[in-house]
Amino acid sequence: MSSLIERLRKIKDNRGMMADLRCFLTPSQRHRAWPALYRVGIPITEEVSAFVAGLYAAHPDGDSLTIGNFGETCKCIEKSKDRDSHQEHQSSTSSGRTPLTPTERRFQHLLAADRSEIQDRVRRMTFLAKSLGTPVNYEALHKDLRFWGERTKTQWAATYWSVEVKQEGGDQ
């Protein structure tokens, strides 16, 4: 049996099916997603798989295997969204402490989530990623949400706050 994301990629151009899958993201409309989930081969009782299918349907153009975990997606959001505001915040602090950017705050809030809260927070960040054209690795996200816990949180945080190594050299 093919993976969840492979099955979703096959129906990416079916606008009706994608619209029905997006309904899973709205609790009062979930019943509209159930037939589409069935057709894709996702049991309606598999909450995480159905949720990721809904996210994919909302932002299919962002599907990417070149990006790592969701921490990297959030870091890309940070780079594209908060670059200017972060520089303003750095210069306005007198304590020498660099304040968090809005995206860093959202990301910390995301990492503090338990299983009952994580889907709502990931949904919001995915919609932000869509608005900025930022890619999401849905395969990694599916796995991470299925096993949500301290290990996943630490991996996302390590990716988000990793030190970027600038390559030296140039004309040789």
C-alpha atoms as a PDB file:
ATOM      1  CA  MET A   1       0.000   0.000   0.000  1.00  0.00           C
ATOM      2  CA  SER A   2       1.340   3.403  -0.915  1.00  0.00           C
ATOM      3  CA  SER A   3       2.021   6.034   1.704  1.00  0.00           C
ATOM      4  CA  LEU A   4      -0.576   8.579   2.709  1.00  0.00           C
ATOM      5  CA  ILE A   5       1.214  11.447   0.998  1.00  0.00           C
ATOM      6  CA  GLU A   6       1.693   9.471  -2.232  1.00  0.00           C
ATOM      7  CA  ARG A   7      -2.062   8.861  -2.342  1.00  0.00           C
ATOM      8  CA  LEU A   8      -2.737  12.549  -1.730  1.00  0.00           C
ATOM      9  CA  ARG A   9      -0.328  13.561  -4.500  1.00  0.00           C
ATOM     10  CA  LYS A  10      -2.313  11.419  -6.945  1.00  0.00           C
ATOM     11  CA  ILE A  11      -5.521  13.378  -6.264  1.00  0.00           C
ATOM     12  CA  LYS A  12      -3.897  16.814  -6.018  1.00  0.00           C
ATOM     13  CA  ASP A  13      -5.664  18.046  -9.173  1.00  0.00           C
ATOM     14  CA  ASN A  14      -9.107  16.790  -8.098  1.00  0.00           C
ATOM     15  CA  ARG A  15     -10.488  20.085  -6.787  1.00  0.00           C
ATOM     16  CA  GLY A  16     -13.682  18.575  -5.375  1.00  0.00           C
ATOM     17  CA  MET A  17     -11.823  15.914  -3.429  1.00  0.00           C
ATOM     18  CA  MET A  18      -9.338  18.455  -2.086  1.00  0.00           C
ATOM     19  CA  ALA A  19     -12.183  20.753  -1.007  1.00  0.00           C
ATOM     20  CA  ASP A  20     -13.821  17.873   0.852  1.00  0.00           C
ATOM     21  CA  LEU A  21     -10.540  16.956   2.573  1.00  0.00           C
ATOM     22  CA  ARG A  22     -10.083  20.573   3.714  1.00  0.00           C
ATOM     23  CA  CYS A  23     -13.397  20.260   5.554  1.00  0.00           C
ATOM     24  CA  PHE A  24     -11.638  18.049   8.106  1.00  0.00           C
ATOM     25  CA  LEU A  25      -9.849  21.139   9.419  1.00  0.00           C
ATOM     26  CA  THR A  26     -13.164  22.655  10.576  1.00  0.00           C
ATOM     27  CA  PRO A  27     -14.775  20.573  13.357  1.00  0.00           C
ATOM     28  CA  SER A  28     -18.336  21.447  12.325  1.00  0.00           C
ATOM     29  CA  GLN A  29     -17.596  20.348   8.731  1.00  0.00           C
ATOM     30  CA  ARG A  30     -15.663  17.128   9.382  1.00  0.00           C
ATOM     31  CA  HIS A  31     -18.569  14.961   8.293  1.00  0.00           C
ATOM     32  CA  ARG A  32     -18.087  16.322   4.751  1.00  0.00           C
ATOM     33  CA  ALA A  33     -14.519  14.988   4.712  1.00  0.00           C
ATOM     34  CA  TRP A  34     -15.401  11.415   5.655  1.00  0.00           C
ATOM     35  CA  PRO A  35     -16.339  10.173   2.143  1.00  0.00           C
ATOM     36  CA  ALA A  36     -13.160  11.733   0.706  1.00  0.00           C
ATOM     37  CA  LEU A  37     -11.055  10.157   3.451  1.00  0.00           C
ATOM     38  CA  TYR A  38     -12.629   6.790   2.654  1.00  0.00           C
ATOM     39  CA  ARG A  39     -11.834   7.183  -1.059  1.00  0.00           C
ATOM     40  CA  VAL A  40      -8.213   8.032  -0.280  1.00  0.00           C
ATOM     41  CA  GLY A  41      -7.977   5.031   2.042  1.00  0.00           C
ATOM     42  CA  ILE A  42      -7.786   6.870   5.355  1.00  0.00           C
ATOM     43  CA  PRO A  43      -9.939   5.489   8.172  1.00  0.00           C
ATOM     44  CA  ILE A  44     -11.953   8.348   9.673  1.00  0.00           C
ATOM     45  CA  THR A  45     -10.822   7.204  13.112  1.00  0.00           C
ATOM     46  CA  GLU A  46      -7.171   7.966  12.256  1.00  0.00           C
ATOM     47  CA  GLU A  47      -7.197  11.549  13.510  1.00  0.00           C
ATOM     48  CA  VAL A  48      -3.588  12.435  12.622  1.00  0.00           C
ATOM     49  CA  SER A  49      -3.750  10.997   9.095  1.00  0.00           C
ATOM     50  CA  ALA A  50      -7.044  12.773   8.413  1.00  0.00           C
ATOM     51  CA  PHE A  51      -5.628  16.027   9.809  1.00  0.00           C
ATOM     52  CA  VAL A  52      -2.502  15.842   7.626  1.00  0.00           C
ATOM     53  CA  ALA A  53      -4.707  15.074   4.606  1.00  0.00           C
ATOM     54  CA  GLY A  54      -6.690  18.228   5.379  1.00  0.00           C
ATOM     55  CA  LEU A  55      -3.503  20.284   5.677  1.00  0.00           C
ATOM     56  CA  TYR A  56      -2.204  18.865   2.413  1.00  0.00           C
ATOM     57  CA  ALA A  57      -5.487  19.762   0.717  1.00  0.00           C
ATOM     58  CA  ALA A  58      -5.177  23.322   2.052  1.00  0.00           C
ATOM     59  CA  HIS A  59      -1.542  23.797   0.897  1.00  0.00           C
ATOM     60  CA  PRO A  60      -0.685  21.144  -1.742  1.00  0.00           C
ATOM     61  CA  ASP A  61       1.710  23.427  -3.618  1.00  0.00           C
ATOM     62  CA  GLY A  62       3.893  23.572  -0.527  1.00  0.00           C
ATOM     63  CA  ASP A  63       4.510  19.817  -0.534  1.00  0.00           C
ATOM     64  CA  SER A  64       8.261  19.332  -0.439  1.00  0.00           C
ATOM     65  CA  LEU A  65      10.710  16.612   0.461  1.00  0.00           C
ATOM     66  CA  THR A  66      13.620  19.059   0.324  1.00  0.00           C
ATOM     67  CA  ILE A  67      12.642  20.595   3.638  1.00  0.00           C
ATOM     68  CA  GLY A  68      13.233  18.703   6.873  1.00  0.00           C
ATOM     69  CA  ASN A  69      10.854  18.707   9.812  1.00  0.00           C
ATOM     70  CA  PHE A  70       8.249  21.318  10.715  1.00  0.00           C
ATOM     71  CA  GLY A  71      10.877  23.251  12.675  1.00  0.00           C
ATOM     72  CA  GLU A  72      12.568  24.025   9.364  1.00  0.00           C
ATOM     73  CA  THR A  73       9.254  25.160   7.879  1.00  0.00           C
ATOM     74  CA  CYS A  74       8.822  27.535  10.818  1.00  0.00           C
ATOM     75  CA  LYS A  75      12.390  28.794  10.395  1.00  0.00           C
ATOM     76  CA  CYS A  76      11.644  29.574   6.735  1.00  0.00           C
ATOM     77  CA  ILE A  77       8.544  31.464   7.877  1.00  0.00           C
ATOM     78  CA  GLU A  78      10.723  33.394  10.329  1.00  0.00           C
ATOM     79  CA  LYS A  79      13.224  34.308   7.629  1.00  0.00           C
ATOM     80  CA  SER A  80      10.629  35.545   5.184  1.00  0.00           C
ATOM     81  CA  LYS A  81       8.208  37.192   7.621  1.00  0.00           C
ATOM     82  CA  ASP A  82      10.073  38.633  10.566  1.00  0.00           C
ATOM     83  CA  ARG A  83      13.437  39.700   9.162  1.00  0.00           C
ATOM     84  CA  ASP A  84      12.721  43.428   9.298  1.00  0.00           C
ATOM     85  CA  SER A  85      10.781  43.436  12.553  1.00  0.00           C
ATOM     86  CA  HIS A  86      13.509  41.351  14.244  1.00  0.00           C
ATOM     87  CA  GLN A  87      16.153  43.958  13.385  1.00  0.00           C
ATOM     88  CA  GLU A  88      13.929  46.697  14.776  1.00  0.00           C
ATOM     89  CA  HIS A  89      13.415  44.725  18.005  1.00  0.00           C
ATOM     90  CA  GLN A  90      17.150  44.097  18.397  1.00  0.00           C
ATOM     91  CA  SER A  91      17.991  47.761  18.287  1.00  0.00           C
ATOM     92  CA  SER A  92      15.167  48.805  20.628  1.00  0.00           C
ATOM     93  CA  THR A  93      16.203  46.727  23.645  1.00  0.00           C
ATOM     94  CA  SER A  94      18.370  48.384  26.279  1.00  0.00           C
ATOM     95  CA  SER A  95      18.924  45.324  28.458  1.00  0.00           C
ATOM     96  CA  GLY A  96      21.165  43.652  25.908  1.00  0.00           C
ATOM     97  CA  ARG A  97      18.734  40.769  25.678  1.00  0.00           C
ATOM     98  CA  THR A  98      17.400  40.038  22.212  1.00  0.00           C
ATOM     99  CA  PRO A  99      13.598  39.827  22.332  1.00  0.00           C
ATOM    100  CA  LEU A 100      11.727  37.072  20.562  1.00  0.00           C
ATOM    101  CA  THR A 101      10.192  37.762  17.187  1.00  0.00           C
ATOM    102  CA  PRO A 102       6.471  37.080  16.726  1.00  0.00           C
ATOM    103  CA  THR A 103       7.249  33.883  14.829  1.00  0.00           C
ATOM    104  CA  GLU A 104       9.593  32.695  17.585  1.00  0.00           C
ATOM    105  CA  ARG A 105       6.803  33.255  20.096  1.00  0.00           C
ATOM    106  CA  ARG A 106       4.360  31.309  17.932  1.00  0.00           C
ATOM    107  CA  PHE A 107       6.909  28.530  17.571  1.00  0.00           C
ATOM    108  CA  GLN A 108       7.492  28.353  21.339  1.00  0.00           C
ATOM    109  CA  HIS A 109       3.720  28.218  21.817  1.00  0.00           C
ATOM    110  CA  LEU A 110       3.601  25.377  19.277  1.00  0.00           C
ATOM    111  CA  LEU A 111       6.307  23.445  21.132  1.00  0.00           C
ATOM    112  CA  ALA A 112       4.466  23.859  24.432  1.00  0.00           C
ATOM    113  CA  ALA A 113       1.378  22.153  22.997  1.00  0.00           C
ATOM    114  CA  ASP A 114       0.188  18.779  24.166  1.00  0.00           C
ATOM    115  CA  ARG A 115      -1.612  16.262  21.946  1.00  0.00           C
ATOM    116  CA  SER A 116      -4.963  17.991  22.390  1.00  0.00           C
ATOM    117  CA  GLU A 117      -3.577  21.370  21.260  1.00  0.00           C
ATOM    118  CA  ILE A 118      -0.990  20.549  18.620  1.00  0.00           C
ATOM    119  CA  GLN A 119      -3.299  20.242  15.622  1.00  0.00           C
ATOM    120  CA  ASP A 120      -4.738  23.729  15.996  1.00  0.00           C
ATOM    121  CA  ARG A 121      -1.275  25.265  16.340  1.00  0.00           C
ATOM    122  CA  VAL A 122       0.180  23.326  13.402  1.00  0.00           C
ATOM    123  CA  ARG A 123      -2.852  24.281  11.293  1.00  0.00           C
ATOM    124  CA  ARG A 124      -2.242  27.977  11.972  1.00  0.00           C
ATOM    125  CA  MET A 125       1.456  27.750  11.112  1.00  0.00           C
ATOM    126  CA  THR A 126       0.666  25.785   7.943  1.00  0.00           C
ATOM    127  CA  PHE A 127      -1.760  28.485   6.806  1.00  0.00           C
ATOM    128  CA  LEU A 128       0.940  31.067   7.507  1.00  0.00           C
ATOM    129  CA  ALA A 129       3.383  28.949   5.473  1.00  0.00           C
ATOM    130  CA  LYS A 130       0.866  28.884   2.625  1.00  0.00           C
ATOM    131  CA  SER A 131       0.465  32.666   2.682  1.00  0.00           C
ATOM    132  CA  LEU A 132       4.247  33.075   2.402  1.00  0.00           C
ATOM    133  CA  GLY A 133       4.815  30.270  -0.116  1.00  0.00           C
ATOM    134  CA  THR A 134       6.851  28.276   2.401  1.00  0.00           C
ATOM    135  CA  PRO A 135       7.144  24.499   1.827  1.00  0.00           C
ATOM    136  CA  VAL A 136       6.043  21.769   4.237  1.00  0.00           C
ATOM    137  CA  ASN A 137       7.314  18.190   4.372  1.00  0.00           C
ATOM    138  CA  TYR A 138       3.991  16.437   4.963  1.00  0.00           C
ATOM    139  CA  GLU A 139       5.568  12.991   5.267  1.00  0.00           C
ATOM    140  CA  ALA A 140       7.780  14.145   8.136  1.00  0.00           C
ATOM    141  CA  LEU A 141       4.900  16.104   9.676  1.00  0.00           C
ATOM    142  CA  HIS A 142       2.646  13.037   9.591  1.00  0.00           C
ATOM    143  CA  LYS A 143       5.268  10.927  11.367  1.00  0.00           C
ATOM    144  CA  ASP A 144       6.059  13.642  13.911  1.00  0.00           C
ATOM    145  CA  LEU A 145       2.421  14.258  14.828  1.00  0.00           C
ATOM    146  CA  ARG A 146       1.782  10.530  15.239  1.00  0.00           C
ATOM    147  CA  PHE A 147       4.617  10.365  17.769  1.00  0.00           C
ATOM    148  CA  TRP A 148       4.229  13.827  19.311  1.00  0.00           C
ATOM    149  CA  GLY A 149       6.315  14.134  22.459  1.00  0.00           C
ATOM    150  CA  GLU A 150       9.508  15.546  23.897  1.00  0.00           C
ATOM    151  CA  ARG A 151      11.744  13.932  21.299  1.00  0.00           C
ATOM    152  CA  THR A 152       9.840  15.510  18.401  1.00  0.00           C
ATOM    153  CA  LYS A 153       9.679  18.872  20.177  1.00  0.00           C
ATOM    154  CA  THR A 154      13.442  18.792  20.743  1.00  0.00           C
ATOM    155  CA  GLN A 155      14.127  17.887  17.106  1.00  0.00           C
ATOM    156  CA  TRP A 156      11.938  20.732  15.857  1.00  0.00           C
ATOM    157  CA  ALA A 157      13.568  23.189  18.278  1.00  0.00           C
ATOM    158  CA  ALA A 158      17.078  22.053  17.309  1.00  0.00           C
ATOM    159  CA  THR A 159      16.245  22.589  13.649  1.00  0.00           C
ATOM    160  CA  TYR A 160      14.616  25.970  14.232  1.00  0.00           C
ATOM    161  CA  TRP A 161      17.392  27.383  16.400  1.00  0.00           C
ATOM    162  CA  SER A 162      20.316  25.761  14.601  1.00  0.00           C
ATOM    163  CA  VAL A 163      23.349  27.905  13.981  1.00  0.00           C
ATOM    164  CA  GLU A 164      23.801  28.669  10.323  1.00  0.00           C
ATOM    165  CA  VAL A 165      27.352  28.158   9.144  1.00  0.00           C
ATOM    166  CA  LYS A 166      28.446  30.791   6.666  1.00  0.00           C
ATOM    167  CA  GLN A 167      30.795  29.440   4.047  1.00  0.00           C
ATOM    168  CA  GLU A 168      33.960  31.432   3.716  1.00  0.00           C
ATOM    169  CA  GLY A 169      35.945  31.877   0.611  1.00  0.00           C
ATOM    170  CA  GLY A 170      34.988  33.125  -2.731  1.00  0.00           C
ATOM    171  CA  ASP A 171      37.288  33.800  -5.640  1.00  0.00           C
ATOM    172  CA  GLN A 172      40.105  31.308  -5.675  1.00  0.00           C
END
